Amino acid sequence: MARAPGKTGSNCESQVRAARQIQHRRGFYNAHIPSNQLRKLCALIDAGERTLEMAVRRMGLSARAHDRILKVARTIADLTGLERVEAKHVAEAVQYRSLDRNYWS
């Protein structure tokens, strides 16, 4: 994740530490969320659900890619301290997925 203008390294570090604490309290770090817990722990607001559905359809993503995007979006929401995953978190996660696909293809 690129550092936002005006953010110091220590601010980013404290943000990451706080997100890791949130994940620890949940019982799983986001990369290790079991598939049967994914929908519960990565609850999307309606707009987030629509954003993800549209990305899956347009990009032809697999179920595995869908789940990975959800986990990344959950992490982005954790970094901002939000309980629910919003459409902007999903959109950012999809962008990272697009960059990854473009880089490796």
Protein backbone atom coordinates (compact mmCIF):
# COMPACT_ATOMS: atom_id res chain seq x y z
CA MET A 1 0.00 0.00 0.00
CA ALA A 2 1.47 3.33 -0.98
CA ARG A 3 1.87 5.91 1.73
CA ALA A 4 -0.56 8.82 1.50
CA PRO A 5 0.92 12.31 1.25
CA GLY A 6 1.56 13.78 4.67
CA LYS A 7 1.69 10.42 6.45
CA THR A 8 4.80 9.53 8.34
CA GLY A 9 6.28 6.08 8.62
CA SER A 10 5.31 5.93 12.28
CA ASN A 11 1.68 6.79 11.42
CA CYS A 12 1.58 3.96 8.89
CA GLU A 13 3.20 1.61 11.36
CA SER A 14 0.63 2.38 14.04
CA GLN A 15 -2.17 1.92 11.51
CA VAL A 16 -0.82 -1.50 10.56
CA ARG A 17 -0.38 -2.49 14.22
CA ALA A 18 -3.99 -1.50 14.94
CA ALA A 19 -5.24 -3.50 11.93
CA ARG A 20 -3.26 -6.55 13.06
CA GLN A 21 -4.79 -6.25 16.54
CA ILE A 22 -8.29 -6.17 15.02
CA GLN A 23 -7.48 -9.30 13.03
CA HIS A 24 -5.98 -11.02 16.07
CA ARG A 25 -9.15 -10.33 18.09
CA ARG A 26 -11.18 -11.87 15.26
CA GLY A 27 -9.15 -15.03 15.63
CA PHE A 28 -7.66 -14.99 12.13
CA TYR A 29 -5.30 -12.85 10.18
CA ASN A 30 -7.16 -11.96 7.00
CA ALA A 31 -5.06 -14.13 4.70
CA HIS A 32 -6.04 -17.16 6.79
CA ILE A 33 -9.79 -16.62 7.09
CA PRO A 34 -11.45 -20.00 6.45
CA SER A 35 -13.89 -20.01 3.55
CA ASN A 36 -16.80 -20.89 5.84
CA GLN A 37 -16.14 -17.68 7.84
CA LEU A 38 -15.43 -15.40 4.89
CA ARG A 39 -18.94 -13.93 4.40
CA LYS A 40 -19.31 -13.27 8.12
CA LEU A 41 -15.90 -11.66 8.67
CA CYS A 42 -15.88 -9.78 5.36
CA ALA A 43 -19.44 -8.47 5.51
CA LEU A 44 -20.06 -6.09 2.62
CA ILE A 45 -22.48 -3.21 2.47
CA ASP A 46 -24.84 -3.41 -0.55
CA ALA A 47 -22.72 -1.12 -2.73
CA GLY A 48 -19.64 -3.23 -1.95
CA GLU A 49 -21.50 -6.38 -2.98
CA ARG A 50 -22.49 -4.79 -6.30
CA THR A 51 -18.93 -3.58 -6.91
CA LEU A 52 -17.53 -7.05 -6.31
CA GLU A 53 -20.16 -8.76 -8.48
CA MET A 54 -19.46 -6.34 -11.33
CA ALA A 55 -15.69 -6.89 -11.08
CA VAL A 56 -16.07 -10.68 -11.06
CA ARG A 57 -18.32 -10.55 -14.10
CA ARG A 58 -16.26 -8.03 -16.12
CA MET A 59 -12.86 -9.50 -15.31
CA GLY A 60 -13.95 -13.14 -15.46
CA LEU A 61 -12.57 -13.86 -12.01
CA SER A 62 -12.59 -17.27 -10.38
CA ALA A 63 -14.14 -18.07 -7.00
CA ARG A 64 -10.64 -18.11 -5.55
CA ALA A 65 -9.92 -14.62 -6.91
CA HIS A 66 -13.29 -13.44 -5.52
CA ASP A 67 -12.29 -14.67 -2.05
CA ARG A 68 -8.84 -13.12 -2.26
CA ILE A 69 -10.35 -9.76 -3.22
CA LEU A 70 -12.67 -10.01 -0.21
CA LYS A 71 -9.73 -10.66 2.09
CA VAL A 72 -7.75 -7.72 0.71
CA ALA A 73 -10.82 -5.47 0.99
CA ARG A 74 -11.23 -6.64 4.62
CA THR A 75 -7.62 -5.63 5.26
CA ILE A 76 -8.15 -2.19 3.72
CA ALA A 77 -11.23 -1.70 5.92
CA ASP A 78 -9.19 -2.80 8.96
CA LEU A 79 -6.52 -0.22 8.14
CA THR A 80 -9.20 2.48 8.22
CA GLY A 81 -10.70 1.03 11.41
CA LEU A 82 -14.09 0.18 9.91
CA GLU A 83 -16.15 -2.86 10.87
CA ARG A 84 -17.93 -3.27 7.52
CA VAL A 85 -16.24 -3.49 4.15
CA GLU A 86 -17.37 -0.64 1.91
CA ALA A 87 -17.51 -0.33 -1.87
CA LYS A 88 -14.36 1.84 -1.90
CA HIS A 89 -12.43 -0.94 -0.12
CA VAL A 90 -13.61 -3.48 -2.68
CA ALA A 91 -12.74 -1.13 -5.54
CA GLU A 92 -9.22 -0.64 -4.18
CA ALA A 93 -8.77 -4.41 -3.77
CA VAL A 94 -9.98 -4.95 -7.35
CA GLN A 95 -7.45 -2.37 -8.56
CA TYR A 96 -4.66 -4.28 -6.83
CA ARG A 97 -5.91 -7.47 -8.48
CA SER A 98 -5.91 -5.73 -11.88
CA LEU A 99 -2.37 -4.50 -11.35
CA ASP A 100 -1.32 -8.00 -10.35
CA ARG A 101 -2.93 -9.56 -13.44
CA ASN A 102 -1.37 -6.95 -15.76
CA TYR A 103 2.06 -7.32 -14.23
CA TRP A 104 2.19 -11.13 -14.35
CA SER A 105 0.50 -11.69 -17.72
